[in-house]
PDB file of N, CA and C in Angstrom:
ATOM      1  N   MET A   1       0.532  19.765 -17.772  1.00  0.00           N
ATOM      2  CA  MET A   1       0.431  19.577 -16.433  1.00  0.00           C
ATOM      3  C   MET A   1       0.230  17.347 -16.442  1.00  0.00           C
ATOM      4  N   TYR A   2      -0.551  16.997 -17.521  1.00  0.00           N
ATOM      5  CA  TYR A   2      -0.771  15.645 -17.521  1.00  0.00           C
ATOM      6  C   TYR A   2       0.030  14.832 -17.527  1.00  0.00           C
ATOM      7  N   ARG A   3       0.945  16.113 -18.443  1.00  0.00           N
ATOM      8  CA  ARG A   3       2.786  14.819 -18.268  1.00  0.00           C
ATOM      9  C   ARG A   3       3.291  15.157 -17.377  1.00  0.00           C
ATOM     10  N   LEU A   4       3.409  15.793 -16.664  1.00  0.00           N
ATOM     11  CA  LEU A   4       4.270  15.813 -15.354  1.00  0.00           C
ATOM     12  C   LEU A   4       4.012  15.106 -14.535  1.00  0.00           C
ATOM     13  N   ARG A   5       2.302  14.398 -14.137  1.00  0.00           N
ATOM     14  CA  ARG A   5       1.512  13.647 -13.032  1.00  0.00           C
ATOM     15  C   ARG A   5       2.204  12.384 -13.867  1.00  0.00           C
ATOM     16  N   PHE A   6       2.142  11.975 -15.527  1.00  0.00           N
ATOM     17  CA  PHE A   6       2.390  10.586 -15.801  1.00  0.00           C
ATOM     18  C   PHE A   6       3.996  10.250 -15.031  1.00  0.00           C
ATOM     19  N   VAL A   7       4.857  11.248 -15.629  1.00  0.00           N
ATOM     20  CA  VAL A   7       6.236  11.441 -15.266  1.00  0.00           C
ATOM     21  C   VAL A   7       6.630  11.219 -13.749  1.00  0.00           C
ATOM     22  N   VAL A   8       5.878  11.668 -12.681  1.00  0.00           N
ATOM     23  CA  VAL A   8       5.644  11.698 -11.167  1.00  0.00           C
ATOM     24  C   VAL A   8       5.497  10.315 -10.740  1.00  0.00           C
ATOM     25  N   ALA A   9       4.343   9.957 -11.195  1.00  0.00           N
ATOM     26  CA  ALA A   9       3.392   8.329 -10.922  1.00  0.00           C
ATOM     27  C   ALA A   9       4.116   7.109 -11.818  1.00  0.00           C
ATOM     28  N   ALA A  10       5.039   7.505 -12.905  1.00  0.00           N
ATOM     29  CA  ALA A  10       5.761   6.034 -13.028  1.00  0.00           C
ATOM     30  C   ALA A  10       7.391   6.441 -12.723  1.00  0.00           C
ATOM     31  N   ALA A  11       7.484   7.226 -12.214  1.00  0.00           N
ATOM     32  CA  ALA A  11       9.173   7.170 -10.827  1.00  0.00           C
ATOM     33  C   ALA A  11       8.271   7.056  -9.712  1.00  0.00           C
ATOM     34  N   LEU A  12       7.579   7.335  -9.251  1.00  0.00           N
ATOM     35  CA  LEU A  12       6.826   6.497  -8.236  1.00  0.00           C
ATOM     36  C   LEU A  12       7.188   4.813  -8.245  1.00  0.00           C
ATOM     37  N   VAL A  13       6.632   4.725  -9.047  1.00  0.00           N
ATOM     38  CA  VAL A  13       5.722   3.213  -9.564  1.00  0.00           C
ATOM     39  C   VAL A  13       7.335   2.203  -9.285  1.00  0.00           C
ATOM     40  N   PHE A  14       8.402   2.984 -10.333  1.00  0.00           N
ATOM     41  CA  PHE A  14       9.983   2.404 -10.715  1.00  0.00           C
ATOM     42  C   PHE A  14      10.393   2.529  -9.630  1.00  0.00           C
ATOM     43  N   PHE A  15      10.542   3.290  -8.457  1.00  0.00           N
ATOM     44  CA  PHE A  15      11.065   3.322  -6.860  1.00  0.00           C
ATOM     45  C   PHE A  15      10.432   2.222  -6.310  1.00  0.00           C
ATOM     46  N   VAL A  16       9.440   2.302  -6.330  1.00  0.00           N
ATOM     47  CA  VAL A  16       8.287   1.120  -5.397  1.00  0.00           C
ATOM     48  C   VAL A  16       8.741  -0.319  -5.526  1.00  0.00           C
ATOM     49  N   LEU A  17       8.685  -0.195  -6.942  1.00  0.00           N
ATOM     50  CA  LEU A  17       8.889  -1.544  -7.947  1.00  0.00           C
ATOM     51  C   LEU A  17      10.488  -2.290  -7.787  1.00  0.00           C
ATOM     52  N   GLY A  18      11.480  -1.048  -7.961  1.00  0.00           N
ATOM     53  CA  GLY A  18      12.592  -1.483  -8.437  1.00  0.00           C
ATOM     54  C   GLY A  18      13.691  -1.494  -7.063  1.00  0.00           C
ATOM     55  N   VAL A  19      13.610  -0.176  -6.679  1.00  0.00           N
ATOM     56  CA  VAL A  19      14.386   0.819  -5.901  1.00  0.00           C
ATOM     57  C   VAL A  19      14.114  -0.110  -4.394  1.00  0.00           C
ATOM     58  N   ALA A  20      13.091   0.160  -3.995  1.00  0.00           N
ATOM     59  CA  ALA A  20      13.059   0.011  -2.268  1.00  0.00           C
ATOM     60  C   ALA A  20      13.485  -1.386  -2.210  1.00  0.00           C
ATOM     61  N   PRO A  21      12.883  -2.461  -2.806  1.00  0.00           N
ATOM     62  CA  PRO A  21      13.066  -3.678  -2.095  1.00  0.00           C
ATOM     63  C   PRO A  21      14.255  -4.180  -2.166  1.00  0.00           C
ATOM     64  N   ALA A  22      15.516  -3.391  -3.034  1.00  0.00           N
ATOM     65  CA  ALA A  22      16.887  -3.613  -3.050  1.00  0.00           C
ATOM     66  C   ALA A  22      17.600  -3.215  -1.908  1.00  0.00           C
ATOM     67  N   VAL A  23      16.886  -2.208  -1.450  1.00  0.00           N
ATOM     68  CA  VAL A  23      17.396  -1.078  -0.405  1.00  0.00           C
ATOM     69  C   VAL A  23      16.904  -1.852   0.926  1.00  0.00           C
ATOM     70  N   ALA A  24      15.432  -2.786   0.912  1.00  0.00           N
ATOM     71  CA  ALA A  24      15.656  -2.891   2.263  1.00  0.00           C
ATOM     72  C   ALA A  24      15.773  -4.949   2.558  1.00  0.00           C
ATOM     73  N   GLN A  25      16.824  -5.139   1.319  1.00  0.00           N
ATOM     74  CA  GLN A  25      17.588  -6.605   1.989  1.00  0.00           C
ATOM     75  C   GLN A  25      18.038  -6.456   2.625  1.00  0.00           C
ATOM     76  N   GLU A  26      18.569  -7.612   3.008  1.00  0.00           N
ATOM     77  CA  GLU A  26      19.306  -7.396   4.333  1.00  0.00           C
ATOM     78  C   GLU A  26      20.956  -7.518   4.275  1.00  0.00           C
ATOM     79  N   GLU A  27      21.304  -6.779   4.955  1.00  0.00           N
ATOM     80  CA  GLU A  27      22.975  -6.275   4.783  1.00  0.00           C
ATOM     81  C   GLU A  27      23.769  -7.413   4.624  1.00  0.00           C
ATOM     82  N   MET A  28      24.767  -7.870   4.182  1.00  0.00           N
ATOM     83  CA  MET A  28      25.867  -9.167   4.454  1.00  0.00           C
ATOM     84  C   MET A  28      27.381  -8.302   4.829  1.00  0.00           C
ATOM     85  N   THR A  29      28.021  -9.018   5.459  1.00  0.00           N
ATOM     86  CA  THR A  29      28.993  -8.547   6.404  1.00  0.00           C
ATOM     87  C   THR A  29      30.301  -8.723   5.142  1.00  0.00           C
ATOM     88  N   GLY A  30      31.325  -8.259   5.236  1.00  0.00           N
ATOM     89  CA  GLY A  30      32.454  -8.470   4.175  1.00  0.00           C
ATOM     90  C   GLY A  30      32.429 -10.296   3.555  1.00  0.00           C
ATOM     91  N   ASP A  31      32.660 -10.859   3.966  1.00  0.00           N
ATOM     92  CA  ASP A  31      33.268 -12.587   3.922  1.00  0.00           C
ATOM     93  C   ASP A  31      31.450 -13.287   3.699  1.00  0.00           C
ATOM     94  N   ASN A  32      30.830 -12.752   3.059  1.00  0.00           N
ATOM     95  CA  ASN A  32      29.111 -12.960   2.907  1.00  0.00           C
ATOM     96  C   ASN A  32      28.505 -14.111   3.628  1.00  0.00           C
ATOM     97  N   ALA A  33      28.819 -13.662   4.657  1.00  0.00           N
ATOM     98  CA  ALA A  33      28.329 -13.881   6.206  1.00  0.00           C
ATOM     99  C   ALA A  33      27.082 -13.302   6.985  1.00  0.00           C
ATOM    100  N   PRO A  34      25.612 -13.893   7.439  1.00  0.00           N
ATOM    101  CA  PRO A  34      24.847 -13.124   8.245  1.00  0.00           C
ATOM    102  C   PRO A  34      25.549 -12.284   9.113  1.00  0.00           C
ATOM    103  N   ALA A  35      25.573 -11.207   9.559  1.00  0.00           N
ATOM    104  CA  ALA A  35      25.978 -10.276  10.206  1.00  0.00           C
ATOM    105  C   ALA A  35      25.631 -10.495  11.839  1.00  0.00           C
ATOM    106  N   ILE A  36      24.256 -10.852  12.397  1.00  0.00           N
ATOM    107  CA  ILE A  36      24.158 -11.753  13.178  1.00  0.00           C
ATOM    108  C   ILE A  36      23.170 -12.605  13.211  1.00  0.00           C
ATOM    109  N   VAL A  37      23.770 -13.702  13.633  1.00  0.00           N
ATOM    110  CA  VAL A  37      23.278 -15.433  14.129  1.00  0.00           C
ATOM    111  C   VAL A  37      22.152 -15.549  14.823  1.00  0.00           C
ATOM    112  N   LEU A  38      21.309 -15.464  15.126  1.00  0.00           N
ATOM    113  CA  LEU A  38      20.901 -15.876  16.158  1.00  0.00           C
ATOM    114  C   LEU A  38      20.102 -17.270  16.089  1.00  0.00           C
ATOM    115  N   GLU A  39      20.211 -18.053  17.403  1.00  0.00           N
ATOM    116  CA  GLU A  39      20.354 -19.395  18.020  1.00  0.00           C
ATOM    117  C   GLU A  39      18.991 -19.288  18.500  1.00  0.00           C
ATOM    118  N   ASP A  40      17.391 -19.997  18.244  1.00  0.00           N
ATOM    119  CA  ASP A  40      16.333 -20.371  18.877  1.00  0.00           C
ATOM    120  C   ASP A  40      16.302 -21.694  18.724  1.00  0.00           C
ATOM    121  N   ASP A  41      16.287 -22.281  20.615  1.00  0.00           N
ATOM    122  CA  ASP A  41      15.843 -23.534  20.693  1.00  0.00           C
ATOM    123  C   ASP A  41      14.367 -23.687  20.776  1.00  0.00           C
ATOM    124  N   GLN A  42      13.509 -22.765  21.018  1.00  0.00           N
ATOM    125  CA  GLN A  42      12.838 -22.838  21.398  1.00  0.00           C
ATOM    126  C   GLN A  42      11.335 -22.574  19.517  1.00  0.00           C
ATOM    127  N   PRO A  43      10.558 -23.637  19.732  1.00  0.00           N
ATOM    128  CA  PRO A  43       9.956 -23.755  17.869  1.00  0.00           C
ATOM    129  C   PRO A  43       8.893 -21.970  18.247  1.00  0.00           C
ATOM    130  N   ALA A  44       8.854 -21.835  16.798  1.00  0.00           N
ATOM    131  CA  ALA A  44       8.473 -20.630  16.615  1.00  0.00           C
ATOM    132  C   ALA A  44       6.955 -20.688  17.050  1.00  0.00           C
ATOM    133  N   ALA A  45       6.151 -19.361  17.180  1.00  0.00           N
ATOM    134  CA  ALA A  45       4.941 -19.848  17.589  1.00  0.00           C
ATOM    135  C   ALA A  45       4.297 -19.133  15.978  1.00  0.00           C
ATOM    136  N   ALA A  46       2.918 -20.075  16.219  1.00  0.00           N
ATOM    137  CA  ALA A  46       2.325 -19.860  14.823  1.00  0.00           C
ATOM    138  C   ALA A  46       1.482 -18.493  14.585  1.00  0.00           C
ATOM    139  N   GLU A  47       2.047 -17.519  13.324  1.00  0.00           N
ATOM    140  CA  GLU A  47       0.963 -16.281  13.505  1.00  0.00           C
ATOM    141  C   GLU A  47       0.242 -16.349  12.379  1.00  0.00           C
ATOM    142  N   GLU A  48      -0.235 -15.505  12.428  1.00  0.00           N
ATOM    143  CA  GLU A  48      -1.065 -15.421  11.498  1.00  0.00           C
ATOM    144  C   GLU A  48      -0.413 -15.347   9.863  1.00  0.00           C
ATOM    145  N   ALA A  49      -0.920 -15.460   8.977  1.00  0.00           N
ATOM    146  CA  ALA A  49      -0.034 -15.185   7.577  1.00  0.00           C
ATOM    147  C   ALA A  49      -0.047 -13.859   7.332  1.00  0.00           C
ATOM    148  N   TRP A  50       1.113 -13.366   6.783  1.00  0.00           N
ATOM    149  CA  TRP A  50       0.691 -11.683   6.190  1.00  0.00           C
ATOM    150  C   TRP A  50      -0.028 -11.043   5.269  1.00  0.00           C
ATOM    151  N   THR A  51      -0.807 -12.173   4.789  1.00  0.00           N
ATOM    152  CA  THR A  51      -1.969 -11.557   4.001  1.00  0.00           C
ATOM    153  C   THR A  51      -3.214 -11.308   5.022  1.00  0.00           C
ATOM    154  N   PHE A  52      -3.504 -11.794   5.875  1.00  0.00           N
ATOM    155  CA  PHE A  52      -4.071 -11.430   6.666  1.00  0.00           C
ATOM    156  C   PHE A  52      -4.352 -10.543   7.410  1.00  0.00           C
ATOM    157  N   ARG A  53      -2.595 -10.477   8.189  1.00  0.00           N
ATOM    158  CA  ARG A  53      -2.457  -9.237   8.914  1.00  0.00           C
ATOM    159  C   ARG A  53      -2.485  -8.015   8.457  1.00  0.00           C
ATOM    160  N   TYR A  54      -2.224  -7.866   7.083  1.00  0.00           N
ATOM    161  CA  TYR A  54      -2.119  -6.309   6.427  1.00  0.00           C
ATOM    162  C   TYR A  54      -2.829  -6.367   5.259  1.00  0.00           C
ATOM    163  N   LEU A  55      -2.736  -7.084   4.303  1.00  0.00           N
ATOM    164  CA  LEU A  55      -3.189  -6.847   3.043  1.00  0.00           C
ATOM    165  C   LEU A  55      -4.888  -7.021   3.053  1.00  0.00           C
ATOM    166  N   VAL A  56      -5.625  -7.905   3.896  1.00  0.00           N
ATOM    167  CA  VAL A  56      -7.054  -7.804   4.105  1.00  0.00           C
ATOM    168  C   VAL A  56      -7.590  -6.540   4.840  1.00  0.00           C
ATOM    169  N   PRO A  57      -6.521  -6.003   5.973  1.00  0.00           N
ATOM    170  CA  PRO A  57      -7.058  -4.403   6.678  1.00  0.00           C
ATOM    171  C   PRO A  57      -6.976  -3.801   5.416  1.00  0.00           C
ATOM    172  N   THR A  58      -6.135  -3.864   4.863  1.00  0.00           N
ATOM    173  CA  THR A  58      -5.634  -2.582   4.104  1.00  0.00           C
ATOM    174  C   THR A  58      -7.162  -2.402   2.604  1.00  0.00           C
ATOM    175  N   LEU A  59      -7.271  -3.592   2.322  1.00  0.00           N
ATOM    176  CA  LEU A  59      -7.988  -3.575   0.885  1.00  0.00           C
ATOM    177  C   LEU A  59      -9.303  -3.516   1.721  1.00  0.00           C
ATOM    178  N   ALA A  60      -9.673  -3.733   2.975  1.00  0.00           N
ATOM    179  CA  ALA A  60     -10.994  -3.066   3.395  1.00  0.00           C
ATOM    180  C   ALA A  60     -11.167  -2.056   3.654  1.00  0.00           C
ATOM    181  N   GLY A  61     -10.174  -1.221   3.934  1.00  0.00           N
ATOM    182  CA  GLY A  61     -10.387   0.130   3.935  1.00  0.00           C
ATOM    183  C   GLY A  61      -9.957   0.740   2.859  1.00  0.00           C
ATOM    184  N   ILE A  62      -9.643   0.503   1.676  1.00  0.00           N
ATOM    185  CA  ILE A  62      -9.484   1.459   0.094  1.00  0.00           C
ATOM    186  C   ILE A  62     -10.649   0.929  -0.037  1.00  0.00           C
ATOM    187  N   THR A  63     -11.537  -0.049   0.462  1.00  0.00           N
ATOM    188  CA  THR A  63     -12.838  -0.113  -0.549  1.00  0.00           C
ATOM    189  C   THR A  63     -14.040   0.726   0.173  1.00  0.00           C
ATOM    190  N   GLY A  64     -13.748   0.909   1.878  1.00  0.00           N
ATOM    191  CA  GLY A  64     -14.783   1.708   2.607  1.00  0.00           C
ATOM    192  C   GLY A  64     -14.566   3.129   1.886  1.00  0.00           C
ATOM    193  N   ILE A  65     -13.198   2.971   1.762  1.00  0.00           N
ATOM    194  CA  ILE A  65     -13.422   4.873   1.106  1.00  0.00           C
ATOM    195  C   ILE A  65     -13.545   4.855  -0.583  1.00  0.00           C
ATOM    196  N   ALA A  66     -13.156   3.905  -1.098  1.00  0.00           N
ATOM    197  CA  ALA A  66     -13.852   4.082  -2.264  1.00  0.00           C
ATOM    198  C   ALA A  66     -15.374   3.906  -2.206  1.00  0.00           C
ATOM    199  N   ILE A  67     -16.244   3.278  -1.611  1.00  0.00           N
ATOM    200  CA  ILE A  67     -17.359   3.344  -1.532  1.00  0.00           C
ATOM    201  C   ILE A  67     -17.758   4.659  -0.988  1.00  0.00           C
ATOM    202  N   LEU A  68     -17.289   5.641  -0.040  1.00  0.00           N
ATOM    203  CA  LEU A  68     -17.935   6.584   0.661  1.00  0.00           C
ATOM    204  C   LEU A  68     -17.555   7.942  -0.884  1.00  0.00           C
ATOM    205  N   GLY A  69     -16.883   7.644  -0.983  1.00  0.00           N
ATOM    206  CA  GLY A  69     -16.114   8.442  -2.130  1.00  0.00           C
ATOM    207  C   GLY A  69     -16.916   8.285  -3.364  1.00  0.00           C
ATOM    208  N   ILE A  70     -17.752   7.549  -3.711  1.00  0.00           N
ATOM    209  CA  ILE A  70     -18.593   7.173  -4.889  1.00  0.00           C
ATOM    210  C   ILE A  70     -19.733   8.016  -4.628  1.00  0.00           C
ATOM    211  N   ALA A  71     -20.337   7.132  -3.255  1.00  0.00           N
ATOM    212  CA  ALA A  71     -21.809   7.921  -2.587  1.00  0.00           C
ATOM    213  C   ALA A  71     -21.703   9.294  -2.928  1.00  0.00           C
ATOM    214  N   LEU A  72     -20.634   9.900  -1.846  1.00  0.00           N
ATOM    215  CA  LEU A  72     -20.199  11.255  -1.935  1.00  0.00           C
ATOM    216  C   LEU A  72     -20.422  11.976  -3.309  1.00  0.00           C
ATOM    217  N   GLY A  73     -19.767  11.232  -4.470  1.00  0.00           N
ATOM    218  CA  GLY A  73     -19.744  12.060  -5.740  1.00  0.00           C
ATOM    219  C   GLY A  73     -20.785  11.643  -6.760  1.00  0.00           C
ATOM    220  N   TYR A  74     -21.959  10.885  -6.447  1.00  0.00           N
ATOM    221  CA  TYR A  74     -23.161  10.855  -6.576  1.00  0.00           C
ATOM    222  C   TYR A  74     -24.236  11.770  -6.115  1.00  0.00           C
ATOM    223  N   THR A  75     -24.092  11.845  -4.468  1.00  0.00           N
ATOM    224  CA  THR A  75     -24.773  12.665  -3.934  1.00  0.00           C
ATOM    225  C   THR A  75     -24.284  14.312  -4.739  1.00  0.00           C
ATOM    226  N   VAL A  76     -23.379  14.633  -4.352  1.00  0.00           N
ATOM    227  CA  VAL A  76     -22.987  16.354  -5.110  1.00  0.00           C
ATOM    228  C   VAL A  76     -23.334  16.176  -6.413  1.00  0.00           C
ATOM    229  N   ARG A  77     -23.251  15.235  -7.411  1.00  0.00           N
ATOM    230  CA  ARG A  77     -23.719  15.594  -8.924  1.00  0.00           C
ATOM    231  C   ARG A  77     -25.424  15.380  -8.754  1.00  0.00           C
ATOM    232  N   ILE A  78     -25.473  14.702  -7.883  1.00  0.00           N
ATOM    233  CA  ILE A  78     -27.105  14.850  -8.266  1.00  0.00           C
ATOM    234  C   ILE A  78     -28.248  16.023  -7.628  1.00  0.00           C
ATOM    235  N   ARG A  79     -27.225  16.498  -6.786  1.00  0.00           N
ATOM    236  CA  ARG A  79     -28.165  18.100  -6.297  1.00  0.00           C
ATOM    237  C   ARG A  79     -27.163  18.833  -7.329  1.00  0.00           C
ATOM    238  N   GLY A  80     -26.621  18.885  -7.988  1.00  0.00           N
ATOM    239  CA  GLY A  80     -25.995  19.912  -8.715  1.00  0.00           C
ATOM    240  C   GLY A  80     -26.537  19.515  -9.874  1.00  0.00           C
ATOM    241  N   ARG A  81     -27.540  18.768 -10.243  1.00  0.00           N
ATOM    242  CA  ARG A  81     -27.910  18.811 -11.615  1.00  0.00           C
ATOM    243  C   ARG A  81     -29.318  19.079 -11.278  1.00  0.00           C
ATOM    244  N   TYR A  82     -30.638  18.985 -10.315  1.00  0.00           N
ATOM    245  CA  TYR A  82     -31.755  19.189  -9.990  1.00  0.00           C
ATOM    246  C   TYR A  82     -31.666  20.336  -8.995  1.00  0.00           C
ATOM    247  N   ARG A  83     -32.677  21.075  -9.018  1.00  0.00           N
ATOM    248  CA  ARG A  83     -32.528  21.744  -8.108  1.00  0.00           C
ATOM    249  C   ARG A  83     -34.774  22.001  -7.943  1.00  0.00           C
ATOM    250  N   VAL A  84     -34.836  22.567  -6.161  1.00  0.00           N
ATOM    251  CA  VAL A  84     -35.999  22.269  -5.956  1.00  0.00           C
ATOM    252  C   VAL A  84     -36.871  23.268  -6.088  1.00  0.00           C
ATOM    253  N   THR A  85     -38.189  23.394  -6.828  1.00  0.00           N
ATOM    254  CA  THR A  85     -38.436  24.857  -6.450  1.00  0.00           C
ATOM    255  C   THR A  85     -39.921  24.379  -5.728  1.00  0.00           C
ATOM    256  N   GLN A  86     -40.129  25.750  -5.314  1.00  0.00           N
ATOM    257  CA  GLN A  86     -41.728  25.987  -4.564  1.00  0.00           C
ATOM    258  C   GLN A  86     -42.753  26.978  -5.363  1.00  0.00           C
TER     259      GLN A  86
END
């Protein structure tokens, strides 16, 4: 069972790091030109960096879930170890 989990995890990592970025790349036409050319006369609006928009909230959520999981696991282990007698 451990080997199966390892193989599935390795395959998913390979897919995410190797295949998915290649699929997500921009498609080009036959003469190696972009399919759609956009001309924009207005200056681009300043946006927040992608790290602030996506990475920071994701890491904050994962950290919160990890802290809750650790607290829950600690509570369950302590309750299972000691019994209150009267």
